[in-house]
Amino acid sequence: MLRRRTDATSAGRPLSSVARQAQRSVENYLTGGNPPRWMERIAEIDNGIARVRRELAEEHRTLRHACGEDRDAFERRWRERAHAHDFSELNALIRQHNEWYPVERDLPFDPRTGEYLSIHGRSYLRQLLGPGWVLEQFPAR
């Protein structure tokens, strides 16, 4: 009786030769079809930084124009603006990247130091954004 039930419900198409040769695993299923999270996160970070740079460039120009020749007023107000800017969402993405990127990419590491190796000669770590970053990109003087 069990044999009849399985035979009756075994309808469907046979697997293609490509499907028969592909390795089946949960990992392959989860990673198939969509870009990996590390790739999406890097794009979100890069787009966010580009957007913030455009906004800050406009604010810098506007404030410089508003202050005219009063360089001290511009410097004071620009530093206040740099400290007031909120980077919490972008910094959360950067922290996630710094924590998970080496694991997601399965980066090699030095067993003596326990540090991940650099990629193309540079670190995978991204700098958090803050007042120092703003003043480095758009100096107050």
C-alpha atoms as a PDB file:
ATOM      1  CA  MET A   1       0.000   0.000   0.000  1.00  0.00           C
ATOM      2  CA  LEU A   2       2.842   2.420   0.805  1.00  0.00           C
ATOM      3  CA  ARG A   3       4.478   1.702  -2.541  1.00  0.00           C
ATOM      4  CA  ARG A   4       1.284   2.576  -4.424  1.00  0.00           C
ATOM      5  CA  ARG A   5       0.997   5.935  -2.643  1.00  0.00           C
ATOM      6  CA  THR A   6       4.540   6.980  -3.443  1.00  0.00           C
ATOM      7  CA  ASP A   7       4.276   5.817  -7.037  1.00  0.00           C
ATOM      8  CA  ALA A   8       1.009   7.700  -7.515  1.00  0.00           C
ATOM      9  CA  THR A   9       2.441  10.969  -6.162  1.00  0.00           C
ATOM     10  CA  SER A  10       5.785  10.839  -7.958  1.00  0.00           C
ATOM     11  CA  ALA A  11       4.616  13.074 -10.784  1.00  0.00           C
ATOM     12  CA  GLY A  12       6.969  15.737 -12.055  1.00  0.00           C
ATOM     13  CA  ARG A  13       9.779  16.310 -14.483  1.00  0.00           C
ATOM     14  CA  PRO A  14      13.177  14.666 -14.302  1.00  0.00           C
ATOM     15  CA  LEU A  15      16.082  16.896 -13.254  1.00  0.00           C
ATOM     16  CA  SER A  16      18.105  18.489 -16.047  1.00  0.00           C
ATOM     17  CA  SER A  17      21.748  17.498 -16.479  1.00  0.00           C
ATOM     18  CA  VAL A  18      22.825  20.904 -15.087  1.00  0.00           C
ATOM     19  CA  ALA A  19      20.625  20.469 -12.015  1.00  0.00           C
ATOM     20  CA  ARG A  20      21.956  16.934 -11.468  1.00  0.00           C
ATOM     21  CA  GLN A  21      25.551  18.194 -11.511  1.00  0.00           C
ATOM     22  CA  ALA A  22      25.015  21.186  -9.192  1.00  0.00           C
ATOM     23  CA  GLN A  23      25.953  20.630  -5.587  1.00  0.00           C
ATOM     24  CA  ARG A  24      22.930  20.818  -3.310  1.00  0.00           C
ATOM     25  CA  SER A  25      23.373  22.424   0.079  1.00  0.00           C
ATOM     26  CA  VAL A  26      21.593  24.835   2.373  1.00  0.00           C
ATOM     27  CA  GLU A  27      24.427  27.336   1.859  1.00  0.00           C
ATOM     28  CA  ASN A  28      23.999  27.272  -1.916  1.00  0.00           C
ATOM     29  CA  TYR A  29      20.242  27.637  -1.582  1.00  0.00           C
ATOM     30  CA  LEU A  30      20.567  30.650   0.733  1.00  0.00           C
ATOM     31  CA  THR A  31      23.170  32.413  -1.393  1.00  0.00           C
ATOM     32  CA  GLY A  32      21.577  31.714  -4.768  1.00  0.00           C
ATOM     33  CA  GLY A  33      19.700  34.414  -6.618  1.00  0.00           C
ATOM     34  CA  ASN A  34      20.455  37.535  -4.576  1.00  0.00           C
ATOM     35  CA  PRO A  35      23.640  39.541  -4.181  1.00  0.00           C
ATOM     36  CA  PRO A  36      25.423  38.761  -0.919  1.00  0.00           C
ATOM     37  CA  ARG A  37      24.640  41.011   2.049  1.00  0.00           C
ATOM     38  CA  TRP A  38      28.197  42.351   2.188  1.00  0.00           C
ATOM     39  CA  MET A  39      27.820  43.618  -1.386  1.00  0.00           C
ATOM     40  CA  GLU A  40      24.481  45.319  -0.654  1.00  0.00           C
ATOM     41  CA  ARG A  41      25.889  46.854   2.543  1.00  0.00           C
ATOM     42  CA  ILE A  42      28.950  48.289   0.773  1.00  0.00           C
ATOM     43  CA  ALA A  43      26.682  49.873  -1.848  1.00  0.00           C
ATOM     44  CA  GLU A  44      24.475  51.356   0.904  1.00  0.00           C
ATOM     45  CA  ILE A  45      27.560  52.754   2.681  1.00  0.00           C
ATOM     46  CA  ASP A  46      29.078  54.201  -0.507  1.00  0.00           C
ATOM     47  CA  ASN A  47      25.759  55.747  -1.582  1.00  0.00           C
ATOM     48  CA  GLY A  48      25.178  57.139   1.916  1.00  0.00           C
ATOM     49  CA  ILE A  49      28.642  58.714   2.071  1.00  0.00           C
ATOM     50  CA  ALA A  50      28.194  60.236  -1.394  1.00  0.00           C
ATOM     51  CA  ARG A  51      24.806  61.683  -0.345  1.00  0.00           C
ATOM     52  CA  VAL A  52      26.255  63.115   2.894  1.00  0.00           C
ATOM     53  CA  ARG A  53      29.199  64.633   0.977  1.00  0.00           C
ATOM     54  CA  ARG A  54      26.816  66.380  -1.432  1.00  0.00           C
ATOM     55  CA  GLU A  55      24.708  67.720   1.447  1.00  0.00           C
ATOM     56  CA  LEU A  56      27.757  68.901   3.393  1.00  0.00           C
ATOM     57  CA  ALA A  57      29.296  70.516   0.306  1.00  0.00           C
ATOM     58  CA  GLU A  58      26.103  72.515  -0.196  1.00  0.00           C
ATOM     59  CA  GLU A  59      25.938  73.497   3.478  1.00  0.00           C
ATOM     60  CA  HIS A  60      29.629  74.467   3.445  1.00  0.00           C
ATOM     61  CA  ARG A  61      29.119  76.690   0.386  1.00  0.00           C
ATOM     62  CA  THR A  62      25.967  78.269   1.804  1.00  0.00           C
ATOM     63  CA  LEU A  63      27.531  78.997   5.186  1.00  0.00           C
ATOM     64  CA  ARG A  64      30.702  80.390   3.617  1.00  0.00           C
ATOM     65  CA  HIS A  65      28.556  82.715   1.498  1.00  0.00           C
ATOM     66  CA  ALA A  66      26.417  83.734   4.501  1.00  0.00           C
ATOM     67  CA  CYS A  67      29.463  84.556   6.643  1.00  0.00           C
ATOM     68  CA  GLY A  68      31.167  86.534   3.884  1.00  0.00           C
ATOM     69  CA  GLU A  69      34.572  87.808   4.994  1.00  0.00           C
ATOM     70  CA  ASP A  70      34.112  86.882   8.674  1.00  0.00           C
ATOM     71  CA  ARG A  71      36.341  83.805   8.773  1.00  0.00           C
ATOM     72  CA  ASP A  72      36.102  83.388  12.546  1.00  0.00           C
ATOM     73  CA  ALA A  73      32.302  83.270  12.409  1.00  0.00           C
ATOM     74  CA  PHE A  74      32.431  80.745   9.571  1.00  0.00           C
ATOM     75  CA  GLU A  75      34.910  78.543  11.422  1.00  0.00           C
ATOM     76  CA  ARG A  76      32.890  78.620  14.639  1.00  0.00           C
ATOM     77  CA  ARG A  77      29.561  77.925  12.921  1.00  0.00           C
ATOM     78  CA  TRP A  78      31.004  75.229  10.654  1.00  0.00           C
ATOM     79  CA  ARG A  79      32.548  73.399  13.623  1.00  0.00           C
ATOM     80  CA  GLU A  80      29.188  73.582  15.417  1.00  0.00           C
ATOM     81  CA  ARG A  81      27.513  72.145  12.318  1.00  0.00           C
ATOM     82  CA  ALA A  82      30.116  69.373  12.051  1.00  0.00           C
ATOM     83  CA  HIS A  83      29.465  68.360  15.667  1.00  0.00           C
ATOM     84  CA  ALA A  84      25.686  68.552  15.237  1.00  0.00           C
ATOM     85  CA  HIS A  85      25.471  66.258  12.195  1.00  0.00           C
ATOM     86  CA  ASP A  86      23.920  62.850  12.894  1.00  0.00           C
ATOM     87  CA  PHE A  87      25.707  59.899  11.282  1.00  0.00           C
ATOM     88  CA  SER A  88      24.121  57.198  13.462  1.00  0.00           C
ATOM     89  CA  GLU A  89      22.423  55.213  10.664  1.00  0.00           C
ATOM     90  CA  LEU A  90      25.440  55.287   8.368  1.00  0.00           C
ATOM     91  CA  ASN A  91      27.808  54.470  11.234  1.00  0.00           C
ATOM     92  CA  ALA A  92      25.614  51.473  12.163  1.00  0.00           C
ATOM     93  CA  LEU A  93      26.102  50.125   8.617  1.00  0.00           C
ATOM     94  CA  ILE A  94      29.840  50.794   8.827  1.00  0.00           C
ATOM     95  CA  ARG A  95      30.058  48.957  12.172  1.00  0.00           C
ATOM     96  CA  GLN A  96      28.187  45.994  10.652  1.00  0.00           C
ATOM     97  CA  HIS A  97      30.563  46.028   7.701  1.00  0.00           C
ATOM     98  CA  ASN A  98      33.653  46.158   9.919  1.00  0.00           C
ATOM     99  CA  GLU A  99      32.356  43.302  12.060  1.00  0.00           C
ATOM    100  CA  TRP A 100      30.893  40.950   9.436  1.00  0.00           C
ATOM    101  CA  TYR A 101      32.722  41.604   6.157  1.00  0.00           C
ATOM    102  CA  PRO A 102      35.713  39.346   6.871  1.00  0.00           C
ATOM    103  CA  VAL A 103      33.418  36.494   7.928  1.00  0.00           C
ATOM    104  CA  GLU A 104      31.011  36.939   5.008  1.00  0.00           C
ATOM    105  CA  ARG A 105      33.885  37.049   2.516  1.00  0.00           C
ATOM    106  CA  ASP A 106      35.791  34.262   4.283  1.00  0.00           C
ATOM    107  CA  LEU A 107      38.934  36.407   4.311  1.00  0.00           C
ATOM    108  CA  PRO A 108      42.208  34.707   5.198  1.00  0.00           C
ATOM    109  CA  PHE A 109      43.856  35.676   8.442  1.00  0.00           C
ATOM    110  CA  ASP A 110      47.280  35.432   9.997  1.00  0.00           C
ATOM    111  CA  PRO A 111      47.167  32.672  12.635  1.00  0.00           C
ATOM    112  CA  ARG A 112      50.046  34.268  14.572  1.00  0.00           C
ATOM    113  CA  THR A 113      48.286  37.607  15.065  1.00  0.00           C
ATOM    114  CA  GLY A 114      44.656  36.582  14.561  1.00  0.00           C
ATOM    115  CA  GLU A 115      44.235  39.592  12.238  1.00  0.00           C
ATOM    116  CA  TYR A 116      42.580  39.364   8.845  1.00  0.00           C
ATOM    117  CA  LEU A 117      44.855  40.008   5.891  1.00  0.00           C
ATOM    118  CA  SER A 118      44.480  43.135   3.800  1.00  0.00           C
ATOM    119  CA  ILE A 119      42.676  43.130   0.468  1.00  0.00           C
ATOM    120  CA  HIS A 120      44.760  44.388  -2.444  1.00  0.00           C
ATOM    121  CA  GLY A 121      47.127  45.989   0.057  1.00  0.00           C
ATOM    122  CA  ARG A 122      44.507  47.898   2.041  1.00  0.00           C
ATOM    123  CA  SER A 123      42.355  47.222   5.043  1.00  0.00           C
ATOM    124  CA  TYR A 124      38.713  46.210   4.703  1.00  0.00           C
ATOM    125  CA  LEU A 125      37.821  48.422   7.703  1.00  0.00           C
ATOM    126  CA  ARG A 126      35.767  51.543   7.031  1.00  0.00           C
ATOM    127  CA  GLN A 127      36.229  54.745   9.020  1.00  0.00           C
ATOM    128  CA  LEU A 128      33.285  55.859  11.152  1.00  0.00           C
ATOM    129  CA  LEU A 129      31.897  59.277  10.265  1.00  0.00           C
ATOM    130  CA  GLY A 130      31.909  62.101  12.766  1.00  0.00           C
ATOM    131  CA  PRO A 131      32.996  65.713  13.278  1.00  0.00           C
ATOM    132  CA  GLY A 132      36.623  64.860  12.497  1.00  0.00           C
ATOM    133  CA  TRP A 133      35.622  63.313   9.177  1.00  0.00           C
ATOM    134  CA  VAL A 134      33.472  66.352   8.290  1.00  0.00           C
ATOM    135  CA  LEU A 135      36.304  68.781   9.073  1.00  0.00           C
ATOM    136  CA  GLU A 136      38.764  66.620   7.127  1.00  0.00           C
ATOM    137  CA  GLN A 137      36.500  66.617   4.056  1.00  0.00           C
ATOM    138  CA  PHE A 138      35.405  70.256   4.383  1.00  0.00           C
ATOM    139  CA  PRO A 139      37.929  72.252   6.425  1.00  0.00           C
ATOM    140  CA  ALA A 140      36.775  75.116   8.584  1.00  0.00           C
ATOM    141  CA  ARG A 141      39.752  77.242   7.527  1.00  0.00           C
END
